[in-house]
């Protein structure tokens, strides 16, 4: 088969919203973690900590502008950058 005829099957992935906003997450001890959110979706977010990033596998809480509260788990860190996967079972 010729390469030109190959059409990859798209893998549906939720669209992320780029959002550059100041945001305060709270760690499991109730301490605020000041961050700048890079992008966010219903499944998680990636952010840059303004200080030390939360630890890998740490539980964090996000208070959304509409009053909802989301809990999540830090899934990756790289310097002061990190990603959170939200608990979507709630």
PDB file of N, CA and C in Angstrom:
ATOM      1  N   UNK A   1       0.835  -1.170   0.000  1.00  0.00           N
ATOM      2  CA  UNK A   1       0.000   0.000   0.000  1.00  0.00           C
ATOM      3  C   UNK A   1       0.885   1.240   0.000  1.00  0.00           C
ATOM      4  N   UNK A   2       0.487   2.245  -0.734  1.00  0.00           N
ATOM      5  CA  UNK A   2       1.248   3.489  -0.803  1.00  0.00           C
ATOM      6  C   UNK A   2       1.002   4.357   0.429  1.00  0.00           C
ATOM      7  N   UNK A   3       2.061   5.026   0.870  1.00  0.00           N
ATOM      8  CA  UNK A   3       1.943   5.905   2.036  1.00  0.00           C
ATOM      9  C   UNK A   3       0.893   6.984   1.827  1.00  0.00           C
ATOM     10  N   UNK A   4       0.765   7.463   0.616  1.00  0.00           N
ATOM     11  CA  UNK A   4      -0.170   8.558   0.350  1.00  0.00           C
ATOM     12  C   UNK A   4      -1.620   8.160   0.592  1.00  0.00           C
ATOM     13  N   UNK A   5      -1.919   6.864   0.569  1.00  0.00           N
ATOM     14  CA  UNK A   5      -3.288   6.398   0.787  1.00  0.00           C
ATOM     15  C   UNK A   5      -3.584   6.148   2.262  1.00  0.00           C
ATOM     16  N   UNK A   6      -2.544   6.171   3.089  1.00  0.00           N
ATOM     17  CA  UNK A   6      -2.717   5.905   4.509  1.00  0.00           C
ATOM     18  C   UNK A   6      -3.329   7.114   5.201  1.00  0.00           C
ATOM     19  N   UNK A   7      -4.398   6.903   5.917  1.00  0.00           N
ATOM     20  CA  UNK A   7      -5.035   7.951   6.720  1.00  0.00           C
ATOM     21  C   UNK A   7      -5.131   7.436   8.145  1.00  0.00           C
ATOM     22  N   UNK A   8      -4.385   8.044   9.070  1.00  0.00           N
ATOM     23  CA  UNK A   8      -4.403   7.565  10.451  1.00  0.00           C
ATOM     24  C   UNK A   8      -5.785   7.725  11.081  1.00  0.00           C
ATOM     25  N   UNK A   9      -6.120   6.769  11.910  1.00  0.00           N
ATOM     26  CA  UNK A   9      -7.384   6.843  12.646  1.00  0.00           C
ATOM     27  C   UNK A   9      -7.200   7.832  13.779  1.00  0.00           C
ATOM     28  N   UNK A  10      -8.039   8.861  13.830  1.00  0.00           N
ATOM     29  CA  UNK A  10      -7.872   9.835  14.917  1.00  0.00           C
ATOM     30  C   UNK A  10      -8.254   9.225  16.261  1.00  0.00           C
ATOM     31  N   UNK A  11      -7.480   9.567  17.272  1.00  0.00           N
ATOM     32  CA  UNK A  11      -7.792   9.137  18.631  1.00  0.00           C
ATOM     33  C   UNK A  11      -8.481  10.315  19.298  1.00  0.00           C
ATOM     34  N   UNK A  12      -9.765  10.163  19.603  1.00  0.00           N
ATOM     35  CA  UNK A  12     -10.475  11.293  20.197  1.00  0.00           C
ATOM     36  C   UNK A  12      -9.853  11.689  21.530  1.00  0.00           C
ATOM     37  N   UNK A  13      -9.575  12.945  21.667  1.00  0.00           N
ATOM     38  CA  UNK A  13      -9.011  13.480  22.903  1.00  0.00           C
ATOM     39  C   UNK A  13      -9.719  14.797  23.190  1.00  0.00           C
ATOM     40  N   UNK A  14     -10.114  14.936  24.420  1.00  0.00           N
ATOM     41  CA  UNK A  14     -10.810  16.159  24.799  1.00  0.00           C
ATOM     42  C   UNK A  14      -9.958  17.378  24.496  1.00  0.00           C
ATOM     43  N   UNK A  15     -10.600  18.379  23.990  1.00  0.00           N
ATOM     44  CA  UNK A  15      -9.901  19.623  23.686  1.00  0.00           C
ATOM     45  C   UNK A  15      -9.488  20.320  24.976  1.00  0.00           C
ATOM     46  N   UNK A  16      -8.245  20.761  25.025  1.00  0.00           N
ATOM     47  CA  UNK A  16      -7.740  21.478  26.190  1.00  0.00           C
ATOM     48  C   UNK A  16      -7.907  22.964  25.950  1.00  0.00           C
ATOM     49  N   UNK A  17      -8.150  23.678  27.010  1.00  0.00           N
ATOM     50  CA  UNK A  17      -8.231  25.128  26.916  1.00  0.00           C
ATOM     51  C   UNK A  17      -6.959  25.712  27.497  1.00  0.00           C
ATOM     52  N   UNK A  18      -6.263  26.479  26.647  1.00  0.00           N
ATOM     53  CA  UNK A  18      -5.097  27.188  27.173  1.00  0.00           C
ATOM     54  C   UNK A  18      -5.611  28.272  28.087  1.00  0.00           C
ATOM     55  N   UNK A  19      -5.094  28.306  29.259  1.00  0.00           N
ATOM     56  CA  UNK A  19      -5.559  29.291  30.230  1.00  0.00           C
ATOM     57  C   UNK A  19      -4.356  29.736  31.028  1.00  0.00           C
ATOM     58  N   UNK A  20      -4.052  30.985  30.903  1.00  0.00           N
ATOM     59  CA  UNK A  20      -2.942  31.535  31.664  1.00  0.00           C
ATOM     60  C   UNK A  20      -3.560  32.397  32.755  1.00  0.00           C
ATOM     61  N   UNK A  21      -3.678  31.854  33.925  1.00  0.00           N
ATOM     62  CA  UNK A  21      -4.341  32.563  35.022  1.00  0.00           C
ATOM     63  C   UNK A  21      -3.687  32.187  36.337  1.00  0.00           C
ATOM     64  N   UNK A  22      -3.723  33.104  37.269  1.00  0.00           N
ATOM     65  CA  UNK A  22      -3.245  32.793  38.616  1.00  0.00           C
ATOM     66  C   UNK A  22      -4.284  31.899  39.267  1.00  0.00           C
ATOM     67  N   UNK A  23      -3.829  30.933  40.009  1.00  0.00           N
ATOM     68  CA  UNK A  23      -4.689  29.894  40.488  1.00  0.00           C
ATOM     69  C   UNK A  23      -4.086  29.384  41.777  1.00  0.00           C
ATOM     70  N   UNK A  24      -4.869  29.097  42.781  1.00  0.00           N
ATOM     71  CA  UNK A  24      -4.311  28.559  44.024  1.00  0.00           C
ATOM     72  C   UNK A  24      -4.834  27.152  44.246  1.00  0.00           C
ATOM     73  N   UNK A  25      -3.951  26.208  44.215  1.00  0.00           N
ATOM     74  CA  UNK A  25      -4.276  24.831  44.572  1.00  0.00           C
ATOM     75  C   UNK A  25      -3.976  24.667  46.050  1.00  0.00           C
ATOM     76  N   UNK A  26      -4.576  23.661  46.653  1.00  0.00           N
ATOM     77  CA  UNK A  26      -4.310  23.357  48.055  1.00  0.00           C
ATOM     78  C   UNK A  26      -3.788  21.937  48.139  1.00  0.00           C
ATOM     79  N   UNK A  27      -2.732  21.715  48.911  1.00  0.00           N
ATOM     80  CA  UNK A  27      -2.217  20.357  49.062  1.00  0.00           C
ATOM     81  C   UNK A  27      -3.018  19.603  50.124  1.00  0.00           C
ATOM     82  N   UNK A  28      -2.665  18.366  50.377  1.00  0.00           N
ATOM     83  CA  UNK A  28      -3.419  17.517  51.306  1.00  0.00           C
ATOM     84  C   UNK A  28      -3.331  18.011  52.752  1.00  0.00           C
ATOM     85  N   UNK A  29      -2.362  18.880  53.058  1.00  0.00           N
ATOM     86  CA  UNK A  29      -2.237  19.455  54.403  1.00  0.00           C
ATOM     87  C   UNK A  29      -3.004  20.777  54.528  1.00  0.00           C
ATOM     88  N   UNK A  30      -3.691  21.185  53.437  1.00  0.00           N
ATOM     89  CA  UNK A  30      -4.466  22.419  53.451  1.00  0.00           C
ATOM     90  C   UNK A  30      -3.651  23.668  53.168  1.00  0.00           C
ATOM     91  N   UNK A  31      -2.397  23.502  52.730  1.00  0.00           N
ATOM     92  CA  UNK A  31      -1.525  24.633  52.427  1.00  0.00           C
ATOM     93  C   UNK A  31      -1.718  25.054  50.967  1.00  0.00           C
ATOM     94  N   UNK A  32      -1.807  26.362  50.729  1.00  0.00           N
ATOM     95  CA  UNK A  32      -1.979  26.881  49.369  1.00  0.00           C
ATOM     96  C   UNK A  32      -0.693  26.694  48.567  1.00  0.00           C
ATOM     97  N   UNK A  33      -0.853  26.324  47.293  1.00  0.00           N
ATOM     98  CA  UNK A  33       0.257  26.203  46.350  1.00  0.00           C
ATOM     99  C   UNK A  33      -0.047  27.192  45.238  1.00  0.00           C
ATOM    100  N   UNK A  34       0.726  28.281  45.152  1.00  0.00           N
ATOM    101  CA  UNK A  34       0.466  29.263  44.105  1.00  0.00           C
ATOM    102  C   UNK A  34       1.029  28.766  42.788  1.00  0.00           C
ATOM    103  N   UNK A  35       0.177  28.805  41.759  1.00  0.00           N
ATOM    104  CA  UNK A  35       0.573  28.295  40.447  1.00  0.00           C
ATOM    105  C   UNK A  35       0.025  29.187  39.344  1.00  0.00           C
ATOM    106  N   UNK A  36       0.580  29.009  38.164  1.00  0.00           N
ATOM    107  CA  UNK A  36       0.063  29.604  36.947  1.00  0.00           C
ATOM    108  C   UNK A  36      -0.377  28.426  36.081  1.00  0.00           C
ATOM    109  N   UNK A  37      -1.678  28.325  35.822  1.00  0.00           N
ATOM    110  CA  UNK A  37      -2.210  27.211  35.040  1.00  0.00           C
ATOM    111  C   UNK A  37      -1.845  27.420  33.578  1.00  0.00           C
ATOM    112  N   UNK A  38      -1.300  26.378  32.945  1.00  0.00           N
ATOM    113  CA  UNK A  38      -0.923  26.449  31.528  1.00  0.00           C
ATOM    114  C   UNK A  38      -2.067  25.973  30.651  1.00  0.00           C
ATOM    115  N   UNK A  39      -2.671  24.854  30.989  1.00  0.00           N
ATOM    116  CA  UNK A  39      -3.878  24.416  30.296  1.00  0.00           C
ATOM    117  C   UNK A  39      -4.707  23.554  31.225  1.00  0.00           C
ATOM    118  N   UNK A  40      -5.988  23.466  30.902  1.00  0.00           N
ATOM    119  CA  UNK A  40      -6.915  22.758  31.792  1.00  0.00           C
ATOM    120  C   UNK A  40      -8.000  22.089  30.959  1.00  0.00           C
ATOM    121  N   UNK A  41      -8.439  20.921  31.422  1.00  0.00           N
ATOM    122  CA  UNK A  41      -9.567  20.212  30.819  1.00  0.00           C
ATOM    123  C   UNK A  41     -10.365  19.605  31.963  1.00  0.00           C
ATOM    124  N   UNK A  42     -11.426  18.896  31.647  1.00  0.00           N
ATOM    125  CA  UNK A  42     -12.221  18.273  32.710  1.00  0.00           C
ATOM    126  C   UNK A  42     -11.468  17.124  33.371  1.00  0.00           C
ATOM    127  N   UNK A  43     -10.411  16.640  32.739  1.00  0.00           N
ATOM    128  CA  UNK A  43      -9.651  15.515  33.273  1.00  0.00           C
ATOM    129  C   UNK A  43      -8.411  15.922  34.055  1.00  0.00           C
ATOM    130  N   UNK A  44      -7.948  17.173  33.883  1.00  0.00           N
ATOM    131  CA  UNK A  44      -6.756  17.583  34.605  1.00  0.00           C
ATOM    132  C   UNK A  44      -6.236  18.933  34.181  1.00  0.00           C
ATOM    133  N   UNK A  45      -5.041  19.243  34.653  1.00  0.00           N
ATOM    134  CA  UNK A  45      -4.411  20.514  34.311  1.00  0.00           C
ATOM    135  C   UNK A  45      -2.904  20.361  34.324  1.00  0.00           C
ATOM    136  N   UNK A  46      -2.238  21.278  33.641  1.00  0.00           N
ATOM    137  CA  UNK A  46      -0.788  21.385  33.783  1.00  0.00           C
ATOM    138  C   UNK A  46      -0.521  22.807  34.241  1.00  0.00           C
ATOM    139  N   UNK A  47       0.482  22.954  35.082  1.00  0.00           N
ATOM    140  CA  UNK A  47       0.736  24.250  35.695  1.00  0.00           C
ATOM    141  C   UNK A  47       2.211  24.423  36.009  1.00  0.00           C
ATOM    142  N   UNK A  48       2.565  25.664  36.282  1.00  0.00           N
ATOM    143  CA  UNK A  48       3.901  26.008  36.757  1.00  0.00           C
ATOM    144  C   UNK A  48       3.742  26.566  38.160  1.00  0.00           C
ATOM    145  N   UNK A  49       4.437  25.972  39.108  1.00  0.00           N
ATOM    146  CA  UNK A  49       4.387  26.458  40.484  1.00  0.00           C
ATOM    147  C   UNK A  49       5.218  27.728  40.589  1.00  0.00           C
ATOM    148  N   UNK A  50       4.726  28.695  41.349  1.00  0.00           N
ATOM    149  CA  UNK A  50       5.482  29.923  41.561  1.00  0.00           C
ATOM    150  C   UNK A  50       6.572  29.714  42.601  1.00  0.00           C
ATOM    151  N   UNK A  51       6.529  28.591  43.299  1.00  0.00           N
ATOM    152  CA  UNK A  51       7.568  28.184  44.247  1.00  0.00           C
ATOM    153  C   UNK A  51       7.938  26.749  43.921  1.00  0.00           C
ATOM    154  N   UNK A  52       7.898  25.898  44.914  1.00  0.00           N
ATOM    155  CA  UNK A  52       8.194  24.478  44.741  1.00  0.00           C
ATOM    156  C   UNK A  52       6.926  23.752  44.285  1.00  0.00           C
ATOM    157  N   UNK A  53       7.053  22.930  43.267  1.00  0.00           N
ATOM    158  CA  UNK A  53       5.912  22.161  42.762  1.00  0.00           C
ATOM    159  C   UNK A  53       5.526  21.079  43.774  1.00  0.00           C
ATOM    160  N   UNK A  54       4.253  20.677  43.800  1.00  0.00           N
ATOM    161  CA  UNK A  54       3.871  19.575  44.684  1.00  0.00           C
ATOM    162  C   UNK A  54       4.574  18.295  44.246  1.00  0.00           C
ATOM    163  N   UNK A  55       4.713  17.376  45.170  1.00  0.00           N
ATOM    164  CA  UNK A  55       5.429  16.124  44.915  1.00  0.00           C
ATOM    165  C   UNK A  55       4.617  15.184  44.028  1.00  0.00           C
ATOM    166  N   UNK A  56       5.321  14.316  43.342  1.00  0.00           N
ATOM    167  CA  UNK A  56       4.694  13.276  42.534  1.00  0.00           C
ATOM    168  C   UNK A  56       3.760  12.448  43.408  1.00  0.00           C
ATOM    169  N   UNK A  57       2.566  12.176  42.930  1.00  0.00           N
ATOM    170  CA  UNK A  57       1.522  11.395  43.614  1.00  0.00           C
ATOM    171  C   UNK A  57       0.901  12.114  44.815  1.00  0.00           C
ATOM    172  N   UNK A  58       1.169  13.410  44.983  1.00  0.00           N
ATOM    173  CA  UNK A  58       0.539  14.167  46.057  1.00  0.00           C
ATOM    174  C   UNK A  58      -0.904  14.500  45.675  1.00  0.00           C
ATOM    175  N   UNK A  59      -1.790  14.468  46.652  1.00  0.00           N
ATOM    176  CA  UNK A  59      -3.195  14.827  46.445  1.00  0.00           C
ATOM    177  C   UNK A  59      -3.315  16.339  46.553  1.00  0.00           C
ATOM    178  N   UNK A  60      -4.016  16.946  45.577  1.00  0.00           N
ATOM    179  CA  UNK A  60      -4.243  18.390  45.605  1.00  0.00           C
ATOM    180  C   UNK A  60      -5.727  18.676  45.385  1.00  0.00           C
ATOM    181  N   UNK A  61      -6.142  19.871  45.776  1.00  0.00           N
ATOM    182  CA  UNK A  61      -7.529  20.291  45.630  1.00  0.00           C
ATOM    183  C   UNK A  61      -7.543  21.603  44.858  1.00  0.00           C
ATOM    184  N   UNK A  62      -8.462  21.722  43.900  1.00  0.00           N
ATOM    185  CA  UNK A  62      -8.595  22.952  43.116  1.00  0.00           C
ATOM    186  C   UNK A  62      -9.978  23.541  43.343  1.00  0.00           C
ATOM    187  N   UNK A  63     -10.013  24.816  43.649  1.00  0.00           N
ATOM    188  CA  UNK A  63     -11.281  25.528  43.793  1.00  0.00           C
ATOM    189  C   UNK A  63     -11.517  26.270  42.487  1.00  0.00           C
ATOM    190  N   UNK A  64     -12.608  25.929  41.769  1.00  0.00           N
ATOM    191  CA  UNK A  64     -12.900  26.559  40.490  1.00  0.00           C
ATOM    192  C   UNK A  64     -13.677  27.851  40.681  1.00  0.00           C
ATOM    193  N   UNK A  65     -13.624  28.705  39.668  1.00  0.00           N
ATOM    194  CA  UNK A  65     -14.295  30.005  39.731  1.00  0.00           C
ATOM    195  C   UNK A  65     -15.794  29.879  39.970  1.00  0.00           C
ATOM    196  N   UNK A  66     -16.391  28.784  39.469  1.00  0.00           N
ATOM    197  CA  UNK A  66     -17.847  28.610  39.622  1.00  0.00           C
ATOM    198  C   UNK A  66     -18.222  27.992  40.973  1.00  0.00           C
ATOM    199  N   UNK A  67     -17.223  27.831  41.862  1.00  0.00           N
ATOM    200  CA  UNK A  67     -17.494  27.317  43.202  1.00  0.00           C
ATOM    201  C   UNK A  67     -17.284  25.817  43.354  1.00  0.00           C
ATOM    202  N   UNK A  68     -17.133  25.101  42.239  1.00  0.00           N
ATOM    203  CA  UNK A  68     -16.892  23.659  42.340  1.00  0.00           C
ATOM    204  C   UNK A  68     -15.494  23.394  42.879  1.00  0.00           C
ATOM    205  N   UNK A  69     -15.346  22.243  43.507  1.00  0.00           N
ATOM    206  CA  UNK A  69     -14.068  21.826  44.063  1.00  0.00           C
ATOM    207  C   UNK A  69     -13.691  20.502  43.407  1.00  0.00           C
ATOM    208  N   UNK A  70     -12.454  20.401  42.935  1.00  0.00           N
ATOM    209  CA  UNK A  70     -11.966  19.172  42.316  1.00  0.00           C
ATOM    210  C   UNK A  70     -10.747  18.671  43.065  1.00  0.00           C
ATOM    211  N   UNK A  71     -10.687  17.368  43.243  1.00  0.00           N
ATOM    212  CA  UNK A  71      -9.525  16.726  43.844  1.00  0.00           C
ATOM    213  C   UNK A  71      -8.746  16.046  42.749  1.00  0.00           C
ATOM    214  N   UNK A  72      -7.444  16.013  42.891  1.00  0.00           N
ATOM    215  CA  UNK A  72      -6.626  15.370  41.881  1.00  0.00           C
ATOM    216  C   UNK A  72      -5.329  14.842  42.452  1.00  0.00           C
ATOM    217  N   UNK A  73      -4.596  14.160  41.587  1.00  0.00           N
ATOM    218  CA  UNK A  73      -3.330  13.537  41.952  1.00  0.00           C
ATOM    219  C   UNK A  73      -2.252  14.060  41.011  1.00  0.00           C
ATOM    220  N   UNK A  74      -1.115  14.473  41.563  1.00  0.00           N
ATOM    221  CA  UNK A  74       0.002  14.943  40.738  1.00  0.00           C
ATOM    222  C   UNK A  74       0.578  13.728  40.019  1.00  0.00           C
ATOM    223  N   UNK A  75       0.520  13.747  38.686  1.00  0.00           N
ATOM    224  CA  UNK A  75       0.955  12.602  37.879  1.00  0.00           C
ATOM    225  C   UNK A  75       2.358  12.747  37.319  1.00  0.00           C
ATOM    226  N   UNK A  76       2.836  13.989  37.144  1.00  0.00           N
ATOM    227  CA  UNK A  76       4.207  14.192  36.645  1.00  0.00           C
ATOM    228  C   UNK A  76       4.735  15.525  37.152  1.00  0.00           C
ATOM    229  N   UNK A  77       6.040  15.600  37.290  1.00  0.00           N
ATOM    230  CA  UNK A  77       6.708  16.845  37.666  1.00  0.00           C
ATOM    231  C   UNK A  77       7.982  16.969  36.852  1.00  0.00           C
ATOM    232  N   UNK A  78       8.355  18.210  36.576  1.00  0.00           N
ATOM    233  CA  UNK A  78       9.600  18.491  35.861  1.00  0.00           C
ATOM    234  C   UNK A  78      10.035  19.889  36.294  1.00  0.00           C
ATOM    235  N   UNK A  79      10.913  19.958  37.265  1.00  0.00           N
ATOM    236  CA  UNK A  79      11.282  21.248  37.840  1.00  0.00           C
ATOM    237  C   UNK A  79      10.080  21.835  38.568  1.00  0.00           C
ATOM    238  N   UNK A  80       9.689  23.050  38.187  1.00  0.00           N
ATOM    239  CA  UNK A  80       8.514  23.649  38.820  1.00  0.00           C
ATOM    240  C   UNK A  80       7.225  23.390  38.024  1.00  0.00           C
ATOM    241  N   UNK A  81       7.320  22.625  36.925  1.00  0.00           N
ATOM    242  CA  UNK A  81       6.148  22.255  36.126  1.00  0.00           C
ATOM    243  C   UNK A  81       5.572  20.942  36.638  1.00  0.00           C
ATOM    244  N   UNK A  82       4.246  20.815  36.570  1.00  0.00           N
ATOM    245  CA  UNK A  82       3.620  19.571  37.012  1.00  0.00           C
ATOM    246  C   UNK A  82       2.250  19.408  36.365  1.00  0.00           C
ATOM    247  N   UNK A  83       1.755  18.181  36.391  1.00  0.00           N
ATOM    248  CA  UNK A  83       0.435  17.874  35.853  1.00  0.00           C
ATOM    249  C   UNK A  83      -0.413  17.165  36.885  1.00  0.00           C
ATOM    250  N   UNK A  84      -1.698  17.514  36.901  1.00  0.00           N
ATOM    251  CA  UNK A  84      -2.652  16.931  37.849  1.00  0.00           C
ATOM    252  C   UNK A  84      -3.749  16.212  37.088  1.00  0.00           C
ATOM    253  N   UNK A  85      -4.052  15.001  37.493  1.00  0.00           N
ATOM    254  CA  UNK A  85      -5.203  14.259  36.961  1.00  0.00           C
ATOM    255  C   UNK A  85      -6.320  14.370  37.981  1.00  0.00           C
ATOM    256  N   UNK A  86      -7.476  14.927  37.549  1.00  0.00           N
ATOM    257  CA  UNK A  86      -8.602  15.077  38.467  1.00  0.00           C
ATOM    258  C   UNK A  86      -9.302  13.763  38.721  1.00  0.00           C
ATOM    259  N   UNK A  87      -9.863  13.629  39.905  1.00  0.00           N
ATOM    260  CA  UNK A  87     -10.708  12.475  40.257  1.00  0.00           C
ATOM    261  C   UNK A  87     -12.067  12.731  39.608  1.00  0.00           C
ATOM    262  N   UNK A  88     -12.361  12.026  38.540  1.00  0.00           N
ATOM    263  CA  UNK A  88     -13.618  12.241  37.817  1.00  0.00           C
ATOM    264  C   UNK A  88     -14.716  11.279  38.268  1.00  0.00           C
ATOM    265  N   UNK A  89     -14.456  10.496  39.306  1.00  0.00           N
ATOM    266  CA  UNK A  89     -15.452   9.541  39.812  1.00  0.00           C
ATOM    267  C   UNK A  89     -16.406  10.188  40.803  1.00  0.00           C
ATOM    268  N   UNK A  90     -16.142  11.409  41.204  1.00  0.00           N
ATOM    269  CA  UNK A  90     -16.963  12.072  42.213  1.00  0.00           C
ATOM    270  C   UNK A  90     -18.303  12.503  41.649  1.00  0.00           C
TER     271      UNK A  90
END
